[in-house]
Amino acid sequence: RELRGDFPVERVLAIGDGMPTDVRGALNYGLDLLYISGGIHAKEYTLNGETDEAILNAYLERENAAPKWWMPRLA
């Protein structure tokens, strides 16, 4: 805390693709999360090279993860 100081968590956006690390850490800390669906777990919910939203939503529910937003990749 001494190095970074205090900051309002509502001003922080976490961005990540790793469920046990990026996602879990952000959500446990109470941060808004932008999930990158084209990352390391993409094979779980990709059909024909595209993120299938229904499969992605089911995956996120199984993982008990509720990111605010998702996108396939950072542009």
PDB file of N, CA and C in Angstrom:
ATOM      1  N   ARG A   1       0.809  -1.197   0.000  1.00  0.00           N
ATOM      2  CA  ARG A   1       0.000   0.000   0.000  1.00  0.00           C
ATOM      3  C   ARG A   1       0.850   1.258   0.000  1.00  0.00           C
ATOM      4  N   GLU A   2       1.979   1.207   0.638  1.00  0.00           N
ATOM      5  CA  GLU A   2       2.809   2.407   0.687  1.00  0.00           C
ATOM      6  C   GLU A   2       3.279   2.822  -0.702  1.00  0.00           C
ATOM      7  N   LEU A   3       3.570   1.856  -1.551  1.00  0.00           N
ATOM      8  CA  LEU A   3       4.074   2.176  -2.884  1.00  0.00           C
ATOM      9  C   LEU A   3       2.980   2.684  -3.816  1.00  0.00           C
ATOM     10  N   ARG A   4       1.834   2.050  -3.775  1.00  0.00           N
ATOM     11  CA  ARG A   4       0.792   2.421  -4.738  1.00  0.00           C
ATOM     12  C   ARG A   4      -0.219   3.398  -4.170  1.00  0.00           C
ATOM     13  N   GLY A   5      -0.283   3.530  -2.857  1.00  0.00           N
ATOM     14  CA  GLY A   5      -1.249   4.421  -2.241  1.00  0.00           C
ATOM     15  C   GLY A   5      -2.648   3.840  -2.272  1.00  0.00           C
ATOM     16  N   ASP A   6      -3.564   4.561  -1.711  1.00  0.00           N
ATOM     17  CA  ASP A   6      -4.957   4.133  -1.738  1.00  0.00           C
ATOM     18  C   ASP A   6      -5.606   4.614  -3.028  1.00  0.00           C
ATOM     19  N   PHE A   7      -6.492   3.814  -3.537  1.00  0.00           N
ATOM     20  CA  PHE A   7      -7.201   4.170  -4.756  1.00  0.00           C
ATOM     21  C   PHE A   7      -8.585   3.542  -4.700  1.00  0.00           C
ATOM     22  N   PRO A   8      -9.553   4.158  -5.329  1.00  0.00           N
ATOM     23  CA  PRO A   8     -10.897   3.581  -5.364  1.00  0.00           C
ATOM     24  C   PRO A   8     -10.946   2.429  -6.375  1.00  0.00           C
ATOM     25  N   VAL A   9     -11.344   1.254  -5.926  1.00  0.00           N
ATOM     26  CA  VAL A   9     -11.362   0.085  -6.813  1.00  0.00           C
ATOM     27  C   VAL A   9     -12.334   0.268  -7.974  1.00  0.00           C
ATOM     28  N   GLU A  10     -13.332   1.117  -7.812  1.00  0.00           N
ATOM     29  CA  GLU A  10     -14.267   1.325  -8.922  1.00  0.00           C
ATOM     30  C   GLU A  10     -13.631   2.067 -10.089  1.00  0.00           C
ATOM     31  N   ARG A  11     -12.427   2.547  -9.917  1.00  0.00           N
ATOM     32  CA  ARG A  11     -11.712   3.218 -11.011  1.00  0.00           C
ATOM     33  C   ARG A  11     -10.717   2.287 -11.700  1.00  0.00           C
ATOM     34  N   VAL A  12     -10.723   1.022 -11.309  1.00  0.00           N
ATOM     35  CA  VAL A  12      -9.763   0.059 -11.846  1.00  0.00           C
ATOM     36  C   VAL A  12     -10.494  -0.942 -12.734  1.00  0.00           C
ATOM     37  N   LEU A  13      -9.927  -1.209 -13.895  1.00  0.00           N
ATOM     38  CA  LEU A  13     -10.434  -2.252 -14.774  1.00  0.00           C
ATOM     39  C   LEU A  13      -9.347  -3.302 -14.915  1.00  0.00           C
ATOM     40  N   ALA A  14      -9.641  -4.506 -14.448  1.00  0.00           N
ATOM     41  CA  ALA A  14      -8.725  -5.626 -14.637  1.00  0.00           C
ATOM     42  C   ALA A  14      -9.012  -6.242 -16.002  1.00  0.00           C
ATOM     43  N   ILE A  15      -7.964  -6.673 -16.686  1.00  0.00           N
ATOM     44  CA  ILE A  15      -8.091  -7.308 -17.997  1.00  0.00           C
ATOM     45  C   ILE A  15      -7.321  -8.611 -17.935  1.00  0.00           C
ATOM     46  N   GLY A  16      -7.972  -9.714 -18.302  1.00  0.00           N
ATOM     47  CA  GLY A  16      -7.255 -10.972 -18.244  1.00  0.00           C
ATOM     48  C   GLY A  16      -7.965 -12.106 -18.941  1.00  0.00           C
ATOM     49  N   ASP A  17      -7.213 -13.207 -19.095  1.00  0.00           N
ATOM     50  CA  ASP A  17      -7.753 -14.396 -19.750  1.00  0.00           C
ATOM     51  C   ASP A  17      -7.589 -15.657 -18.914  1.00  0.00           C
ATOM     52  N   GLY A  18      -6.810 -15.621 -17.864  1.00  0.00           N
ATOM     53  CA  GLY A  18      -6.559 -16.807 -17.049  1.00  0.00           C
ATOM     54  C   GLY A  18      -7.574 -16.941 -15.929  1.00  0.00           C
ATOM     55  N   MET A  19      -8.374 -17.999 -15.974  1.00  0.00           N
ATOM     56  CA  MET A  19      -9.436 -18.168 -14.984  1.00  0.00           C
ATOM     57  C   MET A  19      -8.901 -18.259 -13.553  1.00  0.00           C
ATOM     58  N   PRO A  20      -7.924 -19.117 -13.260  1.00  0.00           N
ATOM     59  CA  PRO A  20      -7.502 -19.240 -11.857  1.00  0.00           C
ATOM     60  C   PRO A  20      -6.626 -18.088 -11.365  1.00  0.00           C
ATOM     61  N   THR A  21      -6.149 -17.270 -12.259  1.00  0.00           N
ATOM     62  CA  THR A  21      -5.231 -16.197 -11.854  1.00  0.00           C
ATOM     63  C   THR A  21      -5.860 -14.830 -12.092  1.00  0.00           C
ATOM     64  N   ASP A  22      -5.897 -14.387 -13.331  1.00  0.00           N
ATOM     65  CA  ASP A  22      -6.412 -13.057 -13.675  1.00  0.00           C
ATOM     66  C   ASP A  22      -7.859 -12.865 -13.219  1.00  0.00           C
ATOM     67  N   VAL A  23      -8.708 -13.784 -13.636  1.00  0.00           N
ATOM     68  CA  VAL A  23     -10.142 -13.644 -13.382  1.00  0.00           C
ATOM     69  C   VAL A  23     -10.448 -13.767 -11.898  1.00  0.00           C
ATOM     70  N   ARG A  24      -9.973 -14.848 -11.293  1.00  0.00           N
ATOM     71  CA  ARG A  24     -10.263 -15.073  -9.875  1.00  0.00           C
ATOM     72  C   ARG A  24      -9.689 -13.948  -9.021  1.00  0.00           C
ATOM     73  N   GLY A  25      -8.482 -13.515  -9.311  1.00  0.00           N
ATOM     74  CA  GLY A  25      -7.873 -12.435  -8.544  1.00  0.00           C
ATOM     75  C   GLY A  25      -8.661 -11.147  -8.643  1.00  0.00           C
ATOM     76  N   ALA A  26      -9.061 -10.782  -9.853  1.00  0.00           N
ATOM     77  CA  ALA A  26      -9.823  -9.544 -10.049  1.00  0.00           C
ATOM     78  C   ALA A  26     -11.164  -9.599  -9.335  1.00  0.00           C
ATOM     79  N   LEU A  27     -11.882 -10.691  -9.512  1.00  0.00           N
ATOM     80  CA  LEU A  27     -13.204 -10.795  -8.910  1.00  0.00           C
ATOM     81  C   LEU A  27     -13.118 -10.883  -7.390  1.00  0.00           C
ATOM     82  N   ASN A  28     -12.138 -11.600  -6.872  1.00  0.00           N
ATOM     83  CA  ASN A  28     -11.969 -11.684  -5.418  1.00  0.00           C
ATOM     84  C   ASN A  28     -11.630 -10.331  -4.811  1.00  0.00           C
ATOM     85  N   TYR A  29     -10.963  -9.493  -5.573  1.00  0.00           N
ATOM     86  CA  TYR A  29     -10.576  -8.171  -5.089  1.00  0.00           C
ATOM     87  C   TYR A  29     -11.681  -7.132  -5.305  1.00  0.00           C
ATOM     88  N   GLY A  30     -12.736  -7.527  -6.022  1.00  0.00           N
ATOM     89  CA  GLY A  30     -13.856  -6.629  -6.255  1.00  0.00           C
ATOM     90  C   GLY A  30     -13.671  -5.678  -7.423  1.00  0.00           C
ATOM     91  N   LEU A  31     -12.792  -6.050  -8.352  1.00  0.00           N
ATOM     92  CA  LEU A  31     -12.528  -5.200  -9.513  1.00  0.00           C
ATOM     93  C   LEU A  31     -13.467  -5.541 -10.666  1.00  0.00           C
ATOM     94  N   ASP A  32     -13.803  -4.539 -11.470  1.00  0.00           N
ATOM     95  CA  ASP A  32     -14.489  -4.807 -12.731  1.00  0.00           C
ATOM     96  C   ASP A  32     -13.503  -5.545 -13.630  1.00  0.00           C
ATOM     97  N   LEU A  33     -14.024  -6.477 -14.421  1.00  0.00           N
ATOM     98  CA  LEU A  33     -13.154  -7.320 -15.236  1.00  0.00           C
ATOM     99  C   LEU A  33     -13.592  -7.330 -16.686  1.00  0.00           C
ATOM    100  N   LEU A  34     -12.622  -7.165 -17.565  1.00  0.00           N
ATOM    101  CA  LEU A  34     -12.792  -7.387 -18.996  1.00  0.00           C
ATOM    102  C   LEU A  34     -12.112  -8.719 -19.290  1.00  0.00           C
ATOM    103  N   TYR A  35     -12.913  -9.727 -19.622  1.00  0.00           N
ATOM    104  CA  TYR A  35     -12.386 -11.065 -19.893  1.00  0.00           C
ATOM    105  C   TYR A  35     -12.025 -11.180 -21.369  1.00  0.00           C
ATOM    106  N   ILE A  36     -10.825 -11.664 -21.637  1.00  0.00           N
ATOM    107  CA  ILE A  36     -10.363 -11.870 -23.011  1.00  0.00           C
ATOM    108  C   ILE A  36     -10.623 -13.332 -23.380  1.00  0.00           C
ATOM    109  N   SER A  37     -11.660 -13.541 -24.183  1.00  0.00           N
ATOM    110  CA  SER A  37     -12.097 -14.907 -24.472  1.00  0.00           C
ATOM    111  C   SER A  37     -11.188 -15.651 -25.443  1.00  0.00           C
ATOM    112  N   GLY A  38     -10.344 -14.945 -26.165  1.00  0.00           N
ATOM    113  CA  GLY A  38      -9.456 -15.603 -27.117  1.00  0.00           C
ATOM    114  C   GLY A  38      -8.151 -16.066 -26.500  1.00  0.00           C
ATOM    115  N   GLY A  39      -8.076 -16.066 -25.185  1.00  0.00           N
ATOM    116  CA  GLY A  39      -6.847 -16.428 -24.481  1.00  0.00           C
ATOM    117  C   GLY A  39      -6.719 -17.914 -24.220  1.00  0.00           C
ATOM    118  N   ILE A  40      -6.147 -18.245 -23.084  1.00  0.00           N
ATOM    119  CA  ILE A  40      -5.741 -19.626 -22.812  1.00  0.00           C
ATOM    120  C   ILE A  40      -6.900 -20.609 -22.677  1.00  0.00           C
ATOM    121  N   HIS A  41      -8.106 -20.147 -22.413  1.00  0.00           N
ATOM    122  CA  HIS A  41      -9.246 -21.058 -22.265  1.00  0.00           C
ATOM    123  C   HIS A  41     -10.143 -21.085 -23.507  1.00  0.00           C
ATOM    124  N   ALA A  42      -9.698 -20.485 -24.592  1.00  0.00           N
ATOM    125  CA  ALA A  42     -10.540 -20.323 -25.789  1.00  0.00           C
ATOM    126  C   ALA A  42     -11.106 -21.636 -26.312  1.00  0.00           C
ATOM    127  N   LYS A  43     -10.364 -22.714 -26.201  1.00  0.00           N
ATOM    128  CA  LYS A  43     -10.841 -23.996 -26.739  1.00  0.00           C
ATOM    129  C   LYS A  43     -12.107 -24.481 -26.031  1.00  0.00           C
ATOM    130  N   GLU A  44     -12.375 -23.942 -24.857  1.00  0.00           N
ATOM    131  CA  GLU A  44     -13.555 -24.341 -24.087  1.00  0.00           C
ATOM    132  C   GLU A  44     -14.862 -23.837 -24.707  1.00  0.00           C
ATOM    133  N   TYR A  45     -14.812 -22.773 -25.507  1.00  0.00           N
ATOM    134  CA  TYR A  45     -16.050 -22.151 -25.987  1.00  0.00           C
ATOM    135  C   TYR A  45     -15.927 -21.563 -27.390  1.00  0.00           C
ATOM    136  N   THR A  46     -14.982 -22.062 -28.175  1.00  0.00           N
ATOM    137  CA  THR A  46     -14.801 -21.573 -29.538  1.00  0.00           C
ATOM    138  C   THR A  46     -15.330 -22.595 -30.541  1.00  0.00           C
ATOM    139  N   LEU A  47     -16.120 -22.121 -31.485  1.00  0.00           N
ATOM    140  CA  LEU A  47     -16.616 -22.945 -32.586  1.00  0.00           C
ATOM    141  C   LEU A  47     -16.247 -22.259 -33.888  1.00  0.00           C
ATOM    142  N   ASN A  48     -15.635 -23.008 -34.790  1.00  0.00           N
ATOM    143  CA  ASN A  48     -15.251 -22.470 -36.101  1.00  0.00           C
ATOM    144  C   ASN A  48     -14.434 -21.186 -35.985  1.00  0.00           C
ATOM    145  N   GLY A  49     -13.566 -21.135 -34.993  1.00  0.00           N
ATOM    146  CA  GLY A  49     -12.674 -19.996 -34.833  1.00  0.00           C
ATOM    147  C   GLY A  49     -13.284 -18.771 -34.182  1.00  0.00           C
ATOM    148  N   GLU A  50     -14.536 -18.871 -33.748  1.00  0.00           N
ATOM    149  CA  GLU A  50     -15.227 -17.733 -33.129  1.00  0.00           C
ATOM    150  C   GLU A  50     -15.716 -18.115 -31.738  1.00  0.00           C
ATOM    151  N   THR A  51     -15.750 -17.133 -30.851  1.00  0.00           N
ATOM    152  CA  THR A  51     -16.302 -17.358 -29.520  1.00  0.00           C
ATOM    153  C   THR A  51     -17.804 -17.556 -29.634  1.00  0.00           C
ATOM    154  N   ASP A  52     -18.294 -18.691 -29.136  1.00  0.00           N
ATOM    155  CA  ASP A  52     -19.727 -18.953 -29.092  1.00  0.00           C
ATOM    156  C   ASP A  52     -20.241 -18.401 -27.760  1.00  0.00           C
ATOM    157  N   GLU A  53     -21.068 -17.377 -27.828  1.00  0.00           N
ATOM    158  CA  GLU A  53     -21.488 -16.666 -26.617  1.00  0.00           C
ATOM    159  C   GLU A  53     -22.250 -17.560 -25.642  1.00  0.00           C
ATOM    160  N   ALA A  54     -23.093 -18.438 -26.132  1.00  0.00           N
ATOM    161  CA  ALA A  54     -23.851 -19.328 -25.248  1.00  0.00           C
ATOM    162  C   ALA A  54     -22.919 -20.289 -24.516  1.00  0.00           C
ATOM    163  N   ILE A  55     -21.950 -20.844 -25.239  1.00  0.00           N
ATOM    164  CA  ILE A  55     -20.991 -21.759 -24.614  1.00  0.00           C
ATOM    165  C   ILE A  55     -20.103 -20.994 -23.640  1.00  0.00           C
ATOM    166  N   LEU A  56     -19.693 -19.785 -24.014  1.00  0.00           N
ATOM    167  CA  LEU A  56     -18.887 -18.954 -23.117  1.00  0.00           C
ATOM    168  C   LEU A  56     -19.650 -18.662 -21.833  1.00  0.00           C
ATOM    169  N   ASN A  57     -20.917 -18.270 -21.951  1.00  0.00           N
ATOM    170  CA  ASN A  57     -21.708 -17.976 -20.757  1.00  0.00           C
ATOM    171  C   ASN A  57     -21.840 -19.195 -19.855  1.00  0.00           C
ATOM    172  N   ALA A  58     -22.033 -20.370 -20.444  1.00  0.00           N
ATOM    173  CA  ALA A  58     -22.112 -21.598 -19.652  1.00  0.00           C
ATOM    174  C   ALA A  58     -20.778 -21.884 -18.965  1.00  0.00           C
ATOM    175  N   TYR A  59     -19.680 -21.665 -19.675  1.00  0.00           N
ATOM    176  CA  TYR A  59     -18.343 -21.855 -19.098  1.00  0.00           C
ATOM    177  C   TYR A  59     -18.129 -20.914 -17.917  1.00  0.00           C
ATOM    178  N   LEU A  60     -18.460 -19.641 -18.098  1.00  0.00           N
ATOM    179  CA  LEU A  60     -18.284 -18.665 -17.023  1.00  0.00           C
ATOM    180  C   LEU A  60     -19.146 -19.020 -15.818  1.00  0.00           C
ATOM    181  N   GLU A  61     -20.345 -19.499 -16.067  1.00  0.00           N
ATOM    182  CA  GLU A  61     -21.219 -19.907 -14.962  1.00  0.00           C
ATOM    183  C   GLU A  61     -20.623 -21.097 -14.212  1.00  0.00           C
ATOM    184  N   ARG A  62     -20.114 -22.089 -14.946  1.00  0.00           N
ATOM    185  CA  ARG A  62     -19.466 -23.246 -14.299  1.00  0.00           C
ATOM    186  C   ARG A  62     -18.288 -22.817 -13.446  1.00  0.00           C
ATOM    187  N   GLU A  63     -17.567 -21.807 -13.911  1.00  0.00           N
ATOM    188  CA  GLU A  63     -16.391 -21.314 -13.196  1.00  0.00           C
ATOM    189  C   GLU A  63     -16.758 -20.299 -12.108  1.00  0.00           C
ATOM    190  N   ASN A  64     -18.054 -20.028 -11.963  1.00  0.00           N
ATOM    191  CA  ASN A  64     -18.524 -19.041 -10.987  1.00  0.00           C
ATOM    192  C   ASN A  64     -17.832 -17.695 -11.200  1.00  0.00           C
ATOM    193  N   ALA A  65     -17.757 -17.298 -12.446  1.00  0.00           N
ATOM    194  CA  ALA A  65     -17.098 -16.047 -12.820  1.00  0.00           C
ATOM    195  C   ALA A  65     -18.098 -15.170 -13.568  1.00  0.00           C
ATOM    196  N   ALA A  66     -18.132 -13.910 -13.205  1.00  0.00           N
ATOM    197  CA  ALA A  66     -19.059 -12.982 -13.846  1.00  0.00           C
ATOM    198  C   ALA A  66     -18.335 -11.694 -14.215  1.00  0.00           C
ATOM    199  N   PRO A  67     -17.550 -11.737 -15.297  1.00  0.00           N
ATOM    200  CA  PRO A  67     -16.895 -10.501 -15.720  1.00  0.00           C
ATOM    201  C   PRO A  67     -17.938  -9.482 -16.186  1.00  0.00           C
ATOM    202  N   LYS A  68     -17.614  -8.212 -16.064  1.00  0.00           N
ATOM    203  CA  LYS A  68     -18.525  -7.155 -16.543  1.00  0.00           C
ATOM    204  C   LYS A  68     -18.654  -7.207 -18.055  1.00  0.00           C
ATOM    205  N   TRP A  69     -17.522  -7.459 -18.723  1.00  0.00           N
ATOM    206  CA  TRP A  69     -17.482  -7.465 -20.181  1.00  0.00           C
ATOM    207  C   TRP A  69     -16.547  -8.572 -20.651  1.00  0.00           C
ATOM    208  N   TRP A  70     -16.670  -8.915 -21.929  1.00  0.00           N
ATOM    209  CA  TRP A  70     -15.713  -9.821 -22.551  1.00  0.00           C
ATOM    210  C   TRP A  70     -15.518  -9.371 -23.994  1.00  0.00           C
ATOM    211  N   MET A  71     -14.374  -9.725 -24.518  1.00  0.00           N
ATOM    212  CA  MET A  71     -14.077  -9.495 -25.931  1.00  0.00           C
ATOM    213  C   MET A  71     -13.065 -10.554 -26.357  1.00  0.00           C
ATOM    214  N   PRO A  72     -13.036 -10.899 -27.641  1.00  0.00           N
ATOM    215  CA  PRO A  72     -12.150 -11.972 -28.097  1.00  0.00           C
ATOM    216  C   PRO A  72     -10.668 -11.676 -27.904  1.00  0.00           C
ATOM    217  N   ARG A  73     -10.271 -10.428 -28.138  1.00  0.00           N
ATOM    218  CA  ARG A  73      -8.846 -10.072 -28.013  1.00  0.00           C
ATOM    219  C   ARG A  73      -8.734  -8.571 -27.859  1.00  0.00           C
ATOM    220  N   LEU A  74      -7.621  -8.140 -27.331  1.00  0.00           N
ATOM    221  CA  LEU A  74      -7.368  -6.705 -27.273  1.00  0.00           C
ATOM    222  C   LEU A  74      -6.899  -6.257 -28.645  1.00  0.00           C
ATOM    223  N   ALA A  75      -7.492  -5.216 -29.164  1.00  0.00           N
ATOM    224  CA  ALA A  75      -7.133  -4.756 -30.507  1.00  0.00           C
ATOM    225  C   ALA A  75      -6.101  -3.650 -30.441  1.00  0.00           C
TER     226      ALA A  75
END
